[in-house]
Amino acid sequence: MVERNIFAGFGGQGVLLMGQLLAAAGMMEGKNTSWIPSYGPEMRGGTANCSVMLSDQEIDSPLVTRPTSLIVMNRPSLEKFEDKVVPGGSIFVNSSMIDIKVQRTDVNTYYIPCTEIASELGNSKVSNMIMLGAYLGKSKCVEVETVLAALLEKLGEKKAKLIPLNREALLRGASCIE
């Protein structure tokens, strides 16, 4: 198993966190992982993306130039990275924020209304977790519970009360794929 992913969106959408959690969960499950963030000089509102690799084998190069999956939270990211996905790969689109369709016919495309689902859950900040859940629902590369363990480690015990909401967001995202 080798997963080569690019997560992309605006700063403040939790794009880097999605990648961090996936990489941390992969390590917790004994996989080889890499996580490389990239963002503009602006923190919130600027562009942000990260590359995440998960593999059962040693990773020769952590650079992801031809992702097997692209997870995009905004239109500029879709426009920038759509052509880089390998044929047969997957593109996960935040249909709440992206008003265009994927042009390619040689990839699997999933439109996830992240903002609407987050509103239903009562917290707009979990849009990224909904999208991560959709990706996990398709790839099955790590377990949702392992991602939650990684999140708890990142948040600390003081914010453990956020875990149930994030579990629900991950599961709702995964249900968009089923």
N, C-alpha and C. Protein backbone atom coordinates (compact mmCIF):
# COMPACT_ATOMS: atom_id res chain seq x y z
N MET A 1 0.85 -1.17 0.00
CA MET A 1 0.00 0.00 0.00
C MET A 1 0.89 1.24 0.00
N VAL A 2 0.65 2.13 -0.95
CA VAL A 2 1.31 3.43 -0.98
C VAL A 2 0.24 4.47 -1.30
N GLU A 3 0.06 5.41 -0.39
CA GLU A 3 -0.87 6.52 -0.59
C GLU A 3 -0.05 7.78 -0.73
N ARG A 4 -0.21 8.49 -1.85
CA ARG A 4 0.45 9.77 -2.08
C ARG A 4 -0.64 10.82 -2.19
N ASN A 5 -0.70 11.72 -1.20
CA ASN A 5 -1.81 12.66 -1.10
C ASN A 5 -1.35 14.10 -1.10
N ILE A 6 -2.21 14.96 -1.66
CA ILE A 6 -2.05 16.40 -1.50
C ILE A 6 -3.35 16.91 -0.90
N PHE A 7 -3.22 17.62 0.22
CA PHE A 7 -4.33 18.32 0.86
C PHE A 7 -4.11 19.80 0.57
N ALA A 8 -5.13 20.52 0.08
CA ALA A 8 -4.92 21.92 -0.29
C ALA A 8 -6.16 22.76 -0.03
N GLY A 9 -5.92 24.04 0.29
CA GLY A 9 -7.00 24.99 0.53
C GLY A 9 -6.43 26.31 0.99
N PHE A 10 -7.28 27.13 1.61
CA PHE A 10 -6.86 28.39 2.20
C PHE A 10 -6.31 28.13 3.59
N GLY A 11 -5.38 28.98 4.03
CA GLY A 11 -4.95 28.93 5.42
C GLY A 11 -6.16 29.18 6.32
N GLY A 12 -6.26 28.45 7.41
CA GLY A 12 -7.40 28.58 8.30
C GLY A 12 -8.48 27.54 8.06
N GLN A 13 -8.37 26.75 6.98
CA GLN A 13 -9.35 25.70 6.71
C GLN A 13 -8.95 24.36 7.33
N GLY A 14 -7.83 24.32 8.01
CA GLY A 14 -7.41 23.08 8.65
C GLY A 14 -6.76 22.08 7.71
N VAL A 15 -6.24 22.56 6.60
CA VAL A 15 -5.63 21.69 5.60
C VAL A 15 -4.38 21.02 6.16
N LEU A 16 -3.52 21.80 6.80
CA LEU A 16 -2.29 21.23 7.35
C LEU A 16 -2.60 20.25 8.48
N LEU A 17 -3.63 20.55 9.27
CA LEU A 17 -4.02 19.65 10.35
C LEU A 17 -4.49 18.30 9.80
N MET A 18 -5.25 18.33 8.71
CA MET A 18 -5.69 17.06 8.10
C MET A 18 -4.48 16.20 7.77
N GLY A 19 -3.48 16.81 7.14
CA GLY A 19 -2.28 16.07 6.78
C GLY A 19 -1.51 15.57 7.98
N GLN A 20 -1.39 16.44 8.99
CA GLN A 20 -0.68 16.04 10.22
C GLN A 20 -1.35 14.85 10.88
N LEU A 21 -2.66 14.89 10.97
CA LEU A 21 -3.39 13.81 11.63
C LEU A 21 -3.28 12.51 10.85
N LEU A 22 -3.34 12.60 9.52
CA LEU A 22 -3.19 11.39 8.71
C LEU A 22 -1.80 10.80 8.89
N ALA A 23 -0.77 11.64 8.86
CA ALA A 23 0.60 11.16 9.03
C ALA A 23 0.80 10.56 10.42
N ALA A 24 0.29 11.24 11.45
CA ALA A 24 0.44 10.75 12.82
C ALA A 24 -0.29 9.41 12.99
N ALA A 25 -1.49 9.31 12.44
CA ALA A 25 -2.25 8.06 12.53
C ALA A 25 -1.51 6.94 11.80
N GLY A 26 -0.94 7.26 10.66
CA GLY A 26 -0.16 6.26 9.93
C GLY A 26 1.00 5.75 10.77
N MET A 27 1.71 6.66 11.43
CA MET A 27 2.82 6.24 12.30
C MET A 27 2.32 5.37 13.44
N MET A 28 1.20 5.76 14.04
CA MET A 28 0.63 4.99 15.14
C MET A 28 0.27 3.57 14.71
N GLU A 29 -0.07 3.41 13.44
CA GLU A 29 -0.43 2.09 12.92
C GLU A 29 0.77 1.38 12.29
N GLY A 30 1.96 1.92 12.49
CA GLY A 30 3.17 1.25 12.04
C GLY A 30 3.53 1.43 10.57
N LYS A 31 2.91 2.41 9.93
CA LYS A 31 3.23 2.67 8.53
C LYS A 31 4.38 3.67 8.43
N ASN A 32 5.06 3.68 7.32
CA ASN A 32 6.04 4.71 7.03
C ASN A 32 5.27 5.92 6.53
N THR A 33 5.63 7.09 7.03
CA THR A 33 4.87 8.29 6.67
C THR A 33 5.81 9.47 6.40
N SER A 34 5.29 10.42 5.65
CA SER A 34 5.95 11.71 5.50
C SER A 34 4.86 12.77 5.43
N TRP A 35 5.18 13.96 5.90
CA TRP A 35 4.27 15.11 5.87
C TRP A 35 5.11 16.33 5.56
N ILE A 36 4.80 16.99 4.45
CA ILE A 36 5.54 18.19 4.07
C ILE A 36 4.53 19.32 3.86
N PRO A 37 4.56 20.34 4.76
CA PRO A 37 3.64 21.47 4.61
C PRO A 37 4.19 22.52 3.64
N SER A 38 3.27 23.28 3.07
CA SER A 38 3.65 24.40 2.21
C SER A 38 2.55 25.45 2.34
N TYR A 39 2.94 26.67 2.63
CA TYR A 39 1.95 27.73 2.75
C TYR A 39 2.58 29.06 2.41
N GLY A 40 1.71 29.98 1.99
CA GLY A 40 2.16 31.32 1.64
C GLY A 40 2.50 32.10 2.89
N PRO A 41 3.00 33.33 2.74
CA PRO A 41 3.39 34.14 3.89
C PRO A 41 2.21 34.55 4.77
N GLU A 42 0.99 34.58 4.18
CA GLU A 42 -0.19 34.90 4.97
C GLU A 42 -0.60 33.63 5.71
N MET A 43 -1.01 33.75 6.94
CA MET A 43 -1.44 32.54 7.66
C MET A 43 -2.90 32.23 7.32
N ARG A 44 -3.83 33.05 7.73
CA ARG A 44 -5.23 32.79 7.42
C ARG A 44 -5.58 33.47 6.11
N GLY A 45 -6.23 32.73 5.23
CA GLY A 45 -6.66 33.29 3.96
C GLY A 45 -5.69 33.07 2.83
N GLY A 46 -4.41 32.84 3.12
CA GLY A 46 -3.43 32.54 2.07
C GLY A 46 -3.56 31.09 1.66
N THR A 47 -2.80 30.69 0.68
CA THR A 47 -2.86 29.30 0.23
C THR A 47 -2.07 28.41 1.17
N ALA A 48 -2.53 27.20 1.32
CA ALA A 48 -1.84 26.21 2.15
C ALA A 48 -2.05 24.84 1.52
N ASN A 49 -1.02 24.03 1.55
CA ASN A 49 -1.18 22.65 1.13
C ASN A 49 -0.12 21.81 1.82
N CYS A 50 -0.33 20.53 1.81
CA CYS A 50 0.67 19.62 2.35
C CYS A 50 0.62 18.31 1.58
N SER A 51 1.76 17.68 1.55
CA SER A 51 1.89 16.37 0.93
C SER A 51 2.03 15.35 2.04
N VAL A 52 1.29 14.25 1.92
CA VAL A 52 1.36 13.18 2.91
C VAL A 52 1.51 11.86 2.17
N MET A 53 2.51 11.12 2.60
CA MET A 53 2.69 9.77 2.06
C MET A 53 2.51 8.76 3.18
N LEU A 54 1.84 7.68 2.88
CA LEU A 54 1.70 6.54 3.77
C LEU A 54 2.09 5.31 2.98
N SER A 55 2.92 4.46 3.58
CA SER A 55 3.37 3.29 2.84
C SER A 55 3.71 2.16 3.79
N ASP A 56 3.50 0.95 3.31
CA ASP A 56 3.94 -0.24 4.04
C ASP A 56 5.43 -0.48 3.80
N GLN A 57 5.98 0.16 2.77
CA GLN A 57 7.40 0.02 2.45
C GLN A 57 8.13 1.31 2.81
N GLU A 58 9.45 1.28 2.70
CA GLU A 58 10.25 2.47 2.94
C GLU A 58 9.89 3.52 1.89
N ILE A 59 9.89 4.78 2.30
CA ILE A 59 9.59 5.88 1.39
C ILE A 59 10.90 6.41 0.83
N ASP A 60 11.07 6.30 -0.49
CA ASP A 60 12.30 6.76 -1.12
C ASP A 60 12.40 8.28 -1.13
N SER A 61 11.31 8.94 -1.51
CA SER A 61 11.28 10.40 -1.57
C SER A 61 9.95 10.87 -1.02
N PRO A 62 9.96 11.83 -0.12
CA PRO A 62 8.70 12.31 0.46
C PRO A 62 7.94 13.28 -0.45
N LEU A 63 8.54 13.65 -1.58
CA LEU A 63 7.89 14.60 -2.48
C LEU A 63 6.73 13.93 -3.20
N VAL A 64 5.60 14.60 -3.23
CA VAL A 64 4.42 14.08 -3.92
C VAL A 64 4.18 14.98 -5.13
N THR A 65 4.57 14.49 -6.29
CA THR A 65 4.35 15.25 -7.52
C THR A 65 3.18 14.69 -8.31
N ARG A 66 2.87 13.41 -8.13
CA ARG A 66 1.76 12.74 -8.81
C ARG A 66 0.90 12.03 -7.75
N PRO A 67 0.02 12.78 -7.08
CA PRO A 67 -0.76 12.18 -5.99
C PRO A 67 -1.74 11.12 -6.47
N THR A 68 -1.97 10.13 -5.60
CA THR A 68 -3.04 9.16 -5.85
C THR A 68 -4.37 9.75 -5.40
N SER A 69 -4.31 10.70 -4.44
CA SER A 69 -5.52 11.40 -3.98
C SER A 69 -5.22 12.88 -3.81
N LEU A 70 -6.20 13.68 -4.20
CA LEU A 70 -6.16 15.13 -4.02
C LEU A 70 -7.37 15.50 -3.19
N ILE A 71 -7.14 16.20 -2.09
CA ILE A 71 -8.20 16.62 -1.21
C ILE A 71 -8.19 18.14 -1.21
N VAL A 72 -9.21 18.77 -1.83
CA VAL A 72 -9.20 20.22 -2.02
C VAL A 72 -10.38 20.87 -1.32
N MET A 73 -10.06 21.97 -0.63
CA MET A 73 -11.06 22.71 0.13
C MET A 73 -11.49 24.00 -0.55
N ASN A 74 -10.78 24.44 -1.62
CA ASN A 74 -11.15 25.67 -2.31
C ASN A 74 -10.86 25.55 -3.81
N ARG A 75 -11.48 26.44 -4.57
CA ARG A 75 -11.37 26.40 -6.03
C ARG A 75 -9.94 26.60 -6.54
N PRO A 76 -9.18 27.59 -6.03
CA PRO A 76 -7.81 27.74 -6.55
C PRO A 76 -6.98 26.46 -6.40
N SER A 77 -7.20 25.72 -5.35
CA SER A 77 -6.46 24.47 -5.14
C SER A 77 -6.86 23.41 -6.16
N LEU A 78 -8.14 23.32 -6.46
CA LEU A 78 -8.59 22.38 -7.49
C LEU A 78 -7.96 22.74 -8.83
N GLU A 79 -8.01 24.02 -9.17
CA GLU A 79 -7.44 24.47 -10.45
C GLU A 79 -5.94 24.22 -10.52
N LYS A 80 -5.26 24.35 -9.40
CA LYS A 80 -3.81 24.18 -9.38
C LYS A 80 -3.38 22.71 -9.46
N PHE A 81 -4.08 21.83 -8.76
CA PHE A 81 -3.60 20.46 -8.58
C PHE A 81 -4.34 19.38 -9.38
N GLU A 82 -5.50 19.70 -9.96
CA GLU A 82 -6.31 18.67 -10.63
C GLU A 82 -5.50 17.86 -11.65
N ASP A 83 -4.70 18.51 -12.46
CA ASP A 83 -3.95 17.82 -13.51
C ASP A 83 -2.83 16.93 -12.99
N LYS A 84 -2.46 17.07 -11.72
CA LYS A 84 -1.34 16.30 -11.18
C LYS A 84 -1.73 14.89 -10.71
N VAL A 85 -3.02 14.67 -10.48
CA VAL A 85 -3.48 13.38 -9.95
C VAL A 85 -3.27 12.28 -11.00
N VAL A 86 -2.78 11.13 -10.54
CA VAL A 86 -2.55 10.01 -11.46
C VAL A 86 -3.88 9.52 -12.03
N PRO A 87 -3.89 9.05 -13.27
CA PRO A 87 -5.11 8.43 -13.80
C PRO A 87 -5.55 7.30 -12.88
N GLY A 88 -6.85 7.25 -12.62
CA GLY A 88 -7.39 6.24 -11.70
C GLY A 88 -7.36 6.70 -10.25
N GLY A 89 -6.75 7.86 -9.99
CA GLY A 89 -6.69 8.41 -8.64
C GLY A 89 -8.02 9.01 -8.23
N SER A 90 -8.02 9.67 -7.07
CA SER A 90 -9.26 10.23 -6.52
C SER A 90 -9.09 11.71 -6.22
N ILE A 91 -10.17 12.46 -6.45
CA ILE A 91 -10.21 13.87 -6.09
C ILE A 91 -11.43 14.08 -5.19
N PHE A 92 -11.17 14.63 -4.01
CA PHE A 92 -12.21 14.93 -3.03
C PHE A 92 -12.41 16.44 -3.03
N VAL A 93 -13.61 16.89 -3.35
CA VAL A 93 -13.91 18.30 -3.56
C VAL A 93 -14.87 18.80 -2.49
N ASN A 94 -14.50 19.91 -1.84
CA ASN A 94 -15.40 20.57 -0.90
C ASN A 94 -16.43 21.32 -1.73
N SER A 95 -17.55 20.67 -2.01
CA SER A 95 -18.56 21.26 -2.89
C SER A 95 -19.26 22.46 -2.27
N SER A 96 -19.06 22.72 -1.00
CA SER A 96 -19.60 23.92 -0.37
C SER A 96 -18.85 25.17 -0.82
N MET A 97 -17.57 25.01 -1.15
CA MET A 97 -16.73 26.16 -1.48
C MET A 97 -16.29 26.18 -2.94
N ILE A 98 -16.46 25.09 -3.65
CA ILE A 98 -15.96 24.99 -5.02
C ILE A 98 -17.15 24.89 -5.97
N ASP A 99 -17.28 25.88 -6.83
CA ASP A 99 -18.45 25.99 -7.70
C ASP A 99 -18.22 25.45 -9.10
N ILE A 100 -17.14 24.72 -9.29
CA ILE A 100 -16.88 24.10 -10.60
C ILE A 100 -16.74 22.59 -10.41
N LYS A 101 -16.84 21.86 -11.49
CA LYS A 101 -16.70 20.41 -11.46
C LYS A 101 -15.29 20.02 -11.92
N VAL A 102 -14.85 18.88 -11.49
CA VAL A 102 -13.59 18.32 -11.96
C VAL A 102 -13.75 18.05 -13.45
N GLN A 103 -12.76 18.47 -14.23
CA GLN A 103 -12.83 18.33 -15.69
C GLN A 103 -12.41 16.94 -16.18
N ARG A 104 -11.58 16.27 -15.41
CA ARG A 104 -11.03 15.00 -15.86
C ARG A 104 -12.06 13.87 -15.73
N THR A 105 -11.96 12.93 -16.65
CA THR A 105 -12.85 11.76 -16.62
C THR A 105 -12.09 10.49 -16.25
N ASP A 106 -10.76 10.61 -16.05
CA ASP A 106 -9.95 9.43 -15.74
C ASP A 106 -9.62 9.32 -14.25
N VAL A 107 -10.37 10.06 -13.41
CA VAL A 107 -10.18 10.00 -11.96
C VAL A 107 -11.55 9.78 -11.31
N ASN A 108 -11.53 9.31 -10.07
CA ASN A 108 -12.75 9.18 -9.28
C ASN A 108 -12.94 10.49 -8.53
N THR A 109 -14.14 11.04 -8.61
CA THR A 109 -14.39 12.34 -7.98
C THR A 109 -15.50 12.21 -6.95
N TYR A 110 -15.28 12.85 -5.81
CA TYR A 110 -16.24 12.83 -4.71
C TYR A 110 -16.50 14.27 -4.29
N TYR A 111 -17.77 14.67 -4.33
CA TYR A 111 -18.16 16.02 -3.94
C TYR A 111 -18.76 15.95 -2.53
N ILE A 112 -18.11 16.61 -1.59
CA ILE A 112 -18.52 16.55 -0.19
C ILE A 112 -18.94 17.96 0.25
N PRO A 113 -20.19 18.16 0.68
CA PRO A 113 -20.65 19.48 1.12
C PRO A 113 -20.20 19.76 2.58
N CYS A 114 -18.93 19.97 2.75
CA CYS A 114 -18.33 20.06 4.09
C CYS A 114 -18.96 21.14 4.97
N THR A 115 -19.17 22.34 4.40
CA THR A 115 -19.71 23.44 5.21
C THR A 115 -21.14 23.15 5.66
N GLU A 116 -21.95 22.58 4.78
CA GLU A 116 -23.34 22.27 5.15
C GLU A 116 -23.38 21.23 6.26
N ILE A 117 -22.55 20.20 6.12
CA ILE A 117 -22.54 19.16 7.14
C ILE A 117 -22.02 19.72 8.46
N ALA A 118 -20.99 20.56 8.40
CA ALA A 118 -20.46 21.18 9.62
C ALA A 118 -21.54 22.03 10.30
N SER A 119 -22.33 22.75 9.51
CA SER A 119 -23.42 23.55 10.07
C SER A 119 -24.44 22.66 10.76
N GLU A 120 -24.76 21.52 10.14
CA GLU A 120 -25.69 20.57 10.76
C GLU A 120 -25.16 20.08 12.10
N LEU A 121 -23.82 19.94 12.19
CA LEU A 121 -23.20 19.48 13.43
C LEU A 121 -23.02 20.62 14.44
N GLY A 122 -23.28 21.85 14.00
CA GLY A 122 -23.24 22.99 14.90
C GLY A 122 -21.87 23.63 15.09
N ASN A 123 -20.90 23.31 14.21
CA ASN A 123 -19.57 23.90 14.35
C ASN A 123 -18.88 23.95 12.99
N SER A 124 -18.73 25.15 12.45
CA SER A 124 -18.13 25.31 11.12
C SER A 124 -16.67 24.89 11.08
N LYS A 125 -16.03 24.79 12.23
CA LYS A 125 -14.61 24.45 12.27
C LYS A 125 -14.31 22.99 11.96
N VAL A 126 -15.33 22.14 11.86
CA VAL A 126 -15.07 20.72 11.60
C VAL A 126 -15.19 20.35 10.12
N SER A 127 -15.26 21.34 9.24
CA SER A 127 -15.32 21.05 7.81
C SER A 127 -14.14 20.19 7.37
N ASN A 128 -12.97 20.49 7.91
CA ASN A 128 -11.78 19.70 7.53
C ASN A 128 -11.90 18.25 7.99
N MET A 129 -12.48 18.04 9.15
CA MET A 129 -12.62 16.67 9.66
C MET A 129 -13.65 15.89 8.84
N ILE A 130 -14.66 16.58 8.34
CA ILE A 130 -15.64 15.94 7.46
C ILE A 130 -14.93 15.48 6.19
N MET A 131 -14.10 16.36 5.64
CA MET A 131 -13.37 16.01 4.42
C MET A 131 -12.38 14.87 4.69
N LEU A 132 -11.68 14.93 5.81
CA LEU A 132 -10.75 13.85 6.15
C LEU A 132 -11.51 12.53 6.30
N GLY A 133 -12.68 12.59 6.91
CA GLY A 133 -13.51 11.39 7.05
C GLY A 133 -13.91 10.81 5.70
N ALA A 134 -14.23 11.68 4.74
CA ALA A 134 -14.57 11.21 3.40
C ALA A 134 -13.37 10.49 2.78
N TYR A 135 -12.20 11.10 2.92
CA TYR A 135 -10.99 10.47 2.38
C TYR A 135 -10.76 9.10 3.04
N LEU A 136 -10.90 9.04 4.37
CA LEU A 136 -10.70 7.77 5.08
C LEU A 136 -11.75 6.74 4.67
N GLY A 137 -12.97 7.20 4.43
CA GLY A 137 -14.03 6.29 4.00
C GLY A 137 -13.71 5.62 2.68
N LYS A 138 -13.04 6.33 1.81
CA LYS A 138 -12.65 5.76 0.51
C LYS A 138 -11.35 4.98 0.60
N SER A 139 -10.32 5.57 1.20
CA SER A 139 -8.99 4.95 1.17
C SER A 139 -8.83 3.81 2.18
N LYS A 140 -9.50 3.94 3.33
CA LYS A 140 -9.37 2.96 4.41
C LYS A 140 -7.90 2.72 4.79
N CYS A 141 -7.06 3.76 4.63
CA CYS A 141 -5.62 3.60 4.86
C CYS A 141 -5.26 3.61 6.35
N VAL A 142 -6.08 4.26 7.17
CA VAL A 142 -5.93 4.21 8.63
C VAL A 142 -7.33 4.21 9.23
N GLU A 143 -7.41 3.83 10.49
CA GLU A 143 -8.69 3.77 11.18
C GLU A 143 -9.09 5.15 11.73
N VAL A 144 -10.38 5.43 11.72
CA VAL A 144 -10.90 6.68 12.28
C VAL A 144 -10.46 6.82 13.74
N GLU A 145 -10.52 5.76 14.50
CA GLU A 145 -10.15 5.84 15.92
C GLU A 145 -8.67 6.21 16.10
N THR A 146 -7.83 5.79 15.17
CA THR A 146 -6.41 6.16 15.25
C THR A 146 -6.24 7.65 14.97
N VAL A 147 -7.00 8.18 14.02
CA VAL A 147 -6.96 9.62 13.74
C VAL A 147 -7.42 10.39 14.98
N LEU A 148 -8.45 9.90 15.64
CA LEU A 148 -8.93 10.56 16.86
C LEU A 148 -7.89 10.50 17.97
N ALA A 149 -7.17 9.40 18.08
CA ALA A 149 -6.09 9.30 19.07
C ALA A 149 -5.00 10.32 18.75
N ALA A 150 -4.68 10.49 17.47
CA ALA A 150 -3.69 11.49 17.07
C ALA A 150 -4.19 12.89 17.38
N LEU A 151 -5.48 13.14 17.17
CA LEU A 151 -6.07 14.44 17.47
C LEU A 151 -6.02 14.72 18.97
N LEU A 152 -6.35 13.73 19.78
CA LEU A 152 -6.31 13.91 21.23
C LEU A 152 -4.88 14.23 21.69
N GLU A 153 -3.91 13.56 21.09
CA GLU A 153 -2.51 13.83 21.42
C GLU A 153 -2.15 15.27 21.07
N LYS A 154 -2.64 15.75 19.93
CA LYS A 154 -2.35 17.12 19.49
C LYS A 154 -3.07 18.14 20.36
N LEU A 155 -4.33 17.89 20.68
CA LEU A 155 -5.13 18.84 21.46
C LEU A 155 -4.76 18.86 22.94
N GLY A 156 -4.44 17.70 23.47
CA GLY A 156 -4.19 17.60 24.90
C GLY A 156 -5.48 17.32 25.65
N GLU A 157 -5.33 16.89 26.88
CA GLU A 157 -6.49 16.51 27.69
C GLU A 157 -7.45 17.67 27.96
N LYS A 158 -6.94 18.90 27.99
CA LYS A 158 -7.81 20.06 28.26
C LYS A 158 -8.88 20.24 27.20
N LYS A 159 -8.60 19.78 25.98
CA LYS A 159 -9.56 19.92 24.89
C LYS A 159 -10.16 18.58 24.47
N ALA A 160 -10.05 17.58 25.32
CA ALA A 160 -10.58 16.24 25.01
C ALA A 160 -12.09 16.28 24.74
N LYS A 161 -12.77 17.28 25.27
CA LYS A 161 -14.22 17.39 25.06
C LYS A 161 -14.58 17.59 23.59
N LEU A 162 -13.60 17.94 22.75
CA LEU A 162 -13.84 18.14 21.33
C LEU A 162 -13.82 16.84 20.52
N ILE A 163 -13.36 15.77 21.14
CA ILE A 163 -13.23 14.50 20.43
C ILE A 163 -14.57 13.95 19.93
N PRO A 164 -15.65 13.94 20.73
CA PRO A 164 -16.92 13.41 20.21
C PRO A 164 -17.43 14.16 18.96
N LEU A 165 -17.32 15.48 18.95
CA LEU A 165 -17.73 16.25 17.78
C LEU A 165 -16.87 15.88 16.56
N ASN A 166 -15.57 15.75 16.76
CA ASN A 166 -14.68 15.40 15.66
C ASN A 166 -14.93 13.97 15.18
N ARG A 167 -15.26 13.05 16.09
CA ARG A 167 -15.63 11.68 15.69
C ARG A 167 -16.86 11.72 14.79
N GLU A 168 -17.87 12.48 15.21
CA GLU A 168 -19.09 12.60 14.42
C GLU A 168 -18.79 13.20 13.05
N ALA A 169 -17.92 14.21 12.99
CA ALA A 169 -17.56 14.83 11.72
C ALA A 169 -16.85 13.82 10.80
N LEU A 170 -15.91 13.06 11.35
CA LEU A 170 -15.21 12.05 10.55
C LEU A 170 -16.19 11.01 10.01
N LEU A 171 -17.09 10.56 10.87
CA LEU A 171 -18.05 9.53 10.46
C LEU A 171 -19.04 10.06 9.42
N ARG A 172 -19.47 11.32 9.59
CA ARG A 172 -20.38 11.92 8.60
C ARG A 172 -19.68 12.04 7.25
N GLY A 173 -18.41 12.44 7.27
CA GLY A 173 -17.66 12.52 6.01
C GLY A 173 -17.53 11.16 5.36
N ALA A 174 -17.22 10.14 6.16
CA ALA A 174 -17.08 8.78 5.61
C ALA A 174 -18.42 8.31 5.02
N SER A 175 -19.52 8.69 5.64
CA SER A 175 -20.84 8.25 5.14
C SER A 175 -21.16 8.88 3.79
N CYS A 176 -20.50 9.97 3.43
CA CYS A 176 -20.72 10.60 2.12
C CYS A 176 -20.18 9.72 1.00
N ILE A 177 -19.27 8.81 1.32
CA ILE A 177 -18.65 7.95 0.33
C ILE A 177 -19.40 6.65 0.17
N GLU A 178 -20.05 6.20 1.23
CA GLU A 178 -20.73 4.90 1.20
C GLU A 178 -21.91 4.90 0.25
